[in-house]
Amino acid sequence: MTAKYNVPALEKSIAILNLIAESQGEYTITEIHKKLAISKTTVFSIIKVLEEHDIVKKNEKGEYKTGVKLYELGMSYISEVDIVKIARPYIENLMEETGYTVHLGVIDEGELLYVDKVEPNSFIRFSTYPGLRSEFHVTSLGKAIAAYLTEQELDDIIARKGLAIHTPHTITDVDEFKEALKEIRNVGHAIEDEEGEIGVRCIGVPVFNENNVVASVSIVGHSSMLSFQNAHELIERLKRVAQNISKELGSVNY
């Protein structure tokens, strides 16, 4: 049996970082103290050390968010993932050819994890970034992977994470969601039509390593600029990119 070690100060530091990193907002020391039931003195001491090392950053309102050092540490891990290195030239080329933002994602701990992003120089920007986590059922990236998971893997994720509603278009019924995944397997691509956020549409395609789905690549656009009715050529380009990445990862059956 593996011994469990208890380091209270470190565990409190991790709890504070998790709160700040997983939230879409920013917190003051008092708010962190109330949210985590950690004494204000302890929160202050930990935050100051984290701030000195650029792991968190304070804004003009005295609220804290993640700092550049945490991003650098995360990217040092992501940069070691072969798929990011392999996929980067393909997704850059796809962005240049189409003018759309392109994402690369994987499923991690039952969630969609964005591991790379390239975007055009446009006035329309999306708030995604490498390291961002999302519920897998509201993105084309997540659905493109979920369609090729085993029944047990899929059921386990749904049991743990659920299918929360985000917009009126979100699929929250398990049977309906599984039917949608079946259709994704039939056509070879997934779409997300304002299911995670109103005004945002995505098309995603799975990436394989040998016979296993390991990632997905997607294009994203504003609903006023991305029409699924005239997207055949766009989907074919996306599939070719996914196929090329899969081949470099060792897939022979794509």
Protein backbone atom coordinates (compact mmCIF):
# COMPACT_ATOMS: atom_id res chain seq x y z
CA MET A 1 0.00 0.00 0.00
CA THR A 2 1.40 3.39 -1.03
CA ALA A 3 2.09 5.70 1.88
CA LYS A 4 0.14 8.96 1.91
CA TYR A 5 2.04 12.06 2.90
CA ASN A 6 0.42 15.13 4.38
CA VAL A 7 2.05 18.52 3.82
CA PRO A 8 -0.62 21.05 4.90
CA ALA A 9 1.02 24.18 3.50
CA LEU A 10 1.58 22.53 0.12
CA GLU A 11 -1.96 21.14 -0.01
CA LYS A 12 -3.36 24.60 0.76
CA SER A 13 -1.18 26.12 -1.94
CA ILE A 14 -2.46 23.57 -4.46
CA ALA A 15 -6.07 24.25 -3.40
CA ILE A 16 -5.55 27.99 -3.96
CA LEU A 17 -3.97 27.41 -7.38
CA ASN A 18 -6.76 25.06 -8.40
CA LEU A 19 -9.37 27.62 -7.39
CA ILE A 20 -7.71 30.42 -9.35
CA ALA A 21 -6.83 28.30 -12.39
CA GLU A 22 -10.19 26.58 -12.78
CA SER A 23 -12.27 29.72 -12.30
CA GLN A 24 -13.20 32.08 -15.11
CA GLY A 25 -13.04 34.96 -12.64
CA GLU A 26 -10.39 36.36 -10.32
CA TYR A 27 -10.30 36.31 -6.53
CA THR A 28 -9.15 38.62 -3.75
CA ILE A 29 -7.41 37.19 -0.70
CA THR A 30 -10.63 37.59 1.30
CA GLU A 31 -12.63 35.72 -1.35
CA ILE A 32 -10.09 32.88 -1.43
CA HIS A 33 -10.24 32.71 2.37
CA LYS A 34 -14.04 32.39 2.27
CA LYS A 35 -14.18 29.95 -0.63
CA LEU A 36 -11.62 27.53 0.78
CA ALA A 37 -12.05 28.10 4.52
CA ILE A 38 -8.33 28.73 4.85
CA SER A 39 -7.29 31.42 7.32
CA LYS A 40 -6.73 34.83 5.75
CA THR A 41 -3.20 34.98 7.17
CA THR A 42 -2.29 31.67 5.56
CA VAL A 43 -3.84 32.70 2.24
CA PHE A 44 -1.93 35.98 2.34
CA SER A 45 1.40 34.24 3.02
CA ILE A 46 0.90 31.65 0.28
CA ILE A 47 -0.32 34.18 -2.28
CA LYS A 48 2.66 36.47 -1.66
CA VAL A 49 5.13 33.63 -2.26
CA LEU A 50 3.28 32.57 -5.42
CA GLU A 51 3.23 36.17 -6.60
CA GLU A 52 6.98 36.56 -6.06
CA HIS A 53 7.54 33.58 -8.36
CA ASP A 54 5.09 34.87 -11.02
CA ILE A 55 2.81 31.88 -10.47
CA VAL A 56 -0.08 34.23 -9.71
CA LYS A 57 -0.57 37.86 -10.68
CA LYS A 58 -2.56 40.65 -9.00
CA ASN A 59 -4.68 43.11 -10.96
CA GLU A 60 -5.46 46.72 -10.07
CA LYS A 61 -8.48 45.60 -8.00
CA GLY A 62 -6.35 43.39 -5.78
CA GLU A 63 -7.69 40.23 -7.43
CA TYR A 64 -5.45 37.31 -8.37
CA LYS A 65 -5.23 35.22 -11.52
CA THR A 66 -2.71 32.71 -12.83
CA GLY A 67 0.67 34.16 -13.75
CA VAL A 68 3.06 33.58 -16.60
CA LYS A 69 5.21 31.08 -14.69
CA LEU A 70 2.31 28.66 -14.29
CA TYR A 71 1.68 28.91 -18.03
CA GLU A 72 5.36 28.26 -18.74
CA LEU A 73 5.36 25.21 -16.48
CA GLY A 74 2.28 23.85 -18.20
CA MET A 75 3.70 24.49 -21.64
CA SER A 76 6.96 22.73 -20.70
CA TYR A 77 4.84 19.60 -20.27
CA ILE A 78 2.71 20.14 -23.35
CA SER A 79 5.79 20.84 -25.49
CA GLU A 80 7.02 17.34 -24.73
CA VAL A 81 3.90 15.75 -26.16
CA ASP A 82 4.83 14.42 -29.60
CA ILE A 83 1.39 15.05 -31.05
CA VAL A 84 1.70 18.80 -30.53
CA LYS A 85 5.05 18.90 -32.34
CA ILE A 86 3.77 16.70 -35.16
CA ALA A 87 0.46 18.53 -35.58
CA ARG A 88 1.72 22.12 -35.40
CA PRO A 89 2.80 22.59 -39.06
CA TYR A 90 -0.42 20.99 -40.30
CA ILE A 91 -2.73 23.13 -38.18
CA GLU A 92 -0.76 26.27 -39.01
CA ASN A 93 -1.18 25.53 -42.70
CA LEU A 94 -4.89 24.82 -42.24
CA MET A 95 -5.36 28.15 -40.48
CA GLU A 96 -3.57 29.98 -43.28
CA GLU A 97 -5.58 28.19 -45.97
CA THR A 98 -8.99 28.68 -44.39
CA GLY A 99 -8.67 31.80 -42.25
CA TYR A 100 -10.28 30.01 -39.30
CA THR A 101 -8.92 29.43 -35.80
CA VAL A 102 -7.67 25.84 -35.45
CA HIS A 103 -7.52 23.82 -32.23
CA LEU A 104 -5.88 20.57 -31.22
CA GLY A 105 -7.36 18.73 -28.24
CA VAL A 106 -7.18 15.52 -26.22
CA ILE A 107 -9.40 13.88 -23.62
CA ASP A 108 -7.82 14.01 -20.17
CA GLU A 109 -9.51 12.86 -16.95
CA GLY A 110 -12.88 12.89 -18.68
CA GLU A 111 -12.52 16.45 -19.98
CA LEU A 112 -11.50 18.05 -23.24
CA LEU A 113 -8.01 19.55 -22.86
CA TYR A 114 -6.87 22.08 -25.46
CA VAL A 115 -3.19 21.43 -26.22
CA ASP A 116 -2.58 23.78 -29.14
CA LYS A 117 -4.20 26.68 -30.95
CA VAL A 118 -3.37 28.80 -33.98
CA GLU A 119 -5.47 31.78 -34.99
CA PRO A 120 -5.52 34.30 -37.84
CA ASN A 121 -4.95 38.00 -37.41
CA SER A 122 -8.63 38.84 -37.14
CA PHE A 123 -10.89 41.08 -35.09
CA ILE A 124 -12.78 37.93 -34.02
CA ARG A 125 -10.92 36.15 -31.22
CA PHE A 126 -11.84 33.15 -29.11
CA SER A 127 -10.93 32.87 -25.44
CA THR A 128 -9.52 29.34 -25.75
CA TYR A 129 -5.87 28.60 -24.99
CA PRO A 130 -3.54 25.59 -24.55
CA GLY A 131 -4.20 24.18 -21.10
CA LEU A 132 -7.89 25.14 -21.05
CA ARG A 133 -10.30 22.39 -20.02
CA SER A 134 -13.87 22.04 -21.23
CA GLU A 135 -16.71 19.59 -20.89
CA PHE A 136 -16.28 17.19 -23.77
CA HIS A 137 -19.92 17.10 -24.92
CA VAL A 138 -20.12 20.79 -25.88
CA THR A 139 -17.19 20.94 -28.31
CA SER A 140 -16.61 19.34 -31.70
CA LEU A 141 -13.13 18.43 -30.43
CA GLY A 142 -14.57 16.47 -27.53
CA LYS A 143 -17.34 14.82 -29.54
CA ALA A 144 -14.95 13.78 -32.32
CA ILE A 145 -12.92 11.84 -29.75
CA ALA A 146 -15.89 10.59 -27.71
CA ALA A 147 -17.40 8.97 -30.81
CA TYR A 148 -14.50 6.50 -30.92
CA LEU A 149 -14.20 5.68 -27.23
CA THR A 150 -15.36 2.29 -26.00
CA GLU A 151 -18.87 2.09 -24.56
CA GLN A 152 -17.38 1.60 -21.09
CA GLU A 153 -15.04 4.57 -21.41
CA LEU A 154 -17.89 6.79 -22.57
CA ASP A 155 -20.26 5.62 -19.83
CA ASP A 156 -17.60 6.20 -17.17
CA ILE A 157 -17.05 9.80 -18.32
CA ILE A 158 -20.77 10.56 -18.47
CA ALA A 159 -21.27 9.03 -15.01
CA ARG A 160 -18.51 11.22 -13.57
CA LYS A 161 -19.00 14.43 -15.52
CA GLY A 162 -22.60 14.39 -16.68
CA LEU A 163 -23.96 16.32 -19.67
CA ALA A 164 -24.55 19.78 -18.27
CA ILE A 165 -26.59 22.31 -20.21
CA HIS A 166 -24.75 25.39 -21.52
CA THR A 167 -27.13 26.77 -24.13
CA PRO A 168 -30.58 25.83 -25.49
CA HIS A 169 -28.72 23.77 -28.12
CA THR A 170 -26.72 21.58 -25.72
CA ILE A 171 -27.46 17.84 -25.93
CA THR A 172 -28.08 16.70 -22.36
CA ASP A 173 -29.92 13.41 -22.93
CA VAL A 174 -27.57 10.41 -22.84
CA ASP A 175 -29.38 8.41 -25.53
CA GLU A 176 -29.57 11.42 -27.84
CA PHE A 177 -25.89 12.12 -27.26
CA LYS A 178 -24.95 8.53 -28.12
CA GLU A 179 -27.03 8.75 -31.30
CA ALA A 180 -25.14 11.91 -32.23
CA LEU A 181 -21.84 10.08 -31.68
CA LYS A 182 -23.02 7.25 -33.93
CA GLU A 183 -23.66 9.79 -36.69
CA ILE A 184 -20.18 11.23 -36.15
CA ARG A 185 -18.70 7.76 -36.78
CA ASN A 186 -20.78 7.47 -39.95
CA VAL A 187 -19.68 10.78 -41.47
CA GLY A 188 -16.19 11.02 -39.94
CA HIS A 189 -16.56 14.47 -38.40
CA ALA A 190 -18.31 16.24 -35.53
CA ILE A 191 -20.06 19.59 -35.49
CA GLU A 192 -20.83 21.90 -32.60
CA ASP A 193 -23.61 24.33 -33.37
CA GLU A 194 -23.76 26.86 -30.52
CA GLU A 195 -23.91 24.04 -27.97
CA GLY A 196 -21.21 25.43 -25.71
CA GLU A 197 -21.62 29.12 -26.44
CA ILE A 198 -24.13 31.09 -28.49
CA GLY A 199 -22.55 32.45 -31.67
CA VAL A 200 -19.81 29.82 -31.90
CA ARG A 201 -19.66 26.92 -34.36
CA CYS A 202 -16.97 24.25 -34.72
CA ILE A 203 -16.12 21.27 -36.91
CA GLY A 204 -13.89 18.56 -35.43
CA VAL A 205 -12.20 15.43 -36.78
CA PRO A 206 -10.52 12.62 -34.80
CA VAL A 207 -6.81 11.81 -34.84
CA PHE A 208 -5.63 8.22 -34.42
CA ASN A 209 -2.48 6.50 -33.20
CA GLU A 210 -2.54 3.03 -34.77
CA ASN A 211 -6.17 1.99 -34.07
CA ASN A 212 -6.86 4.23 -31.07
CA VAL A 213 -8.30 7.73 -31.03
CA VAL A 214 -5.80 10.01 -29.29
CA ALA A 215 -6.79 13.56 -30.19
CA SER A 216 -8.86 15.73 -32.48
CA VAL A 217 -8.40 18.83 -34.59
CA SER A 218 -11.05 21.46 -35.22
CA ILE A 219 -11.82 24.74 -36.89
CA VAL A 220 -13.95 27.30 -35.08
CA GLY A 221 -15.78 30.34 -36.37
CA HIS A 222 -18.54 32.76 -35.50
CA SER A 223 -21.95 31.47 -36.55
CA SER A 224 -22.29 34.38 -38.97
CA MET A 225 -19.13 33.26 -40.80
CA LEU A 226 -19.18 29.45 -40.57
CA SER A 227 -22.05 27.72 -42.38
CA PHE A 228 -22.38 23.93 -42.21
CA GLN A 229 -24.48 23.88 -45.38
CA ASN A 230 -21.52 24.90 -47.56
CA ALA A 231 -18.71 23.32 -45.57
CA HIS A 232 -17.93 20.20 -47.65
CA GLU A 233 -14.55 21.42 -48.91
CA LEU A 234 -13.67 22.76 -45.47
CA ILE A 235 -14.48 19.39 -43.87
CA GLU A 236 -12.39 17.55 -46.45
CA ARG A 237 -9.41 19.81 -45.74
CA LEU A 238 -9.83 19.19 -42.04
CA LYS A 239 -9.99 15.43 -42.61
CA ARG A 240 -6.80 15.50 -44.69
CA VAL A 241 -5.01 17.33 -41.88
CA ALA A 242 -6.21 14.78 -39.31
CA GLN A 243 -5.22 11.94 -41.65
CA ASN A 244 -1.70 13.32 -42.12
CA ILE A 245 -1.21 13.76 -38.38
CA SER A 246 -2.55 10.25 -37.77
CA LYS A 247 -0.14 8.75 -40.30
CA GLU A 248 2.80 10.42 -38.59
CA LEU A 249 1.58 8.98 -35.30
CA GLY A 250 1.64 5.48 -36.75
CA SER A 251 -1.94 4.99 -37.91
CA VAL A 252 -2.21 2.75 -40.98
CA ASN A 253 -5.98 2.37 -41.15
CA TYR A 254 -7.18 5.98 -41.25
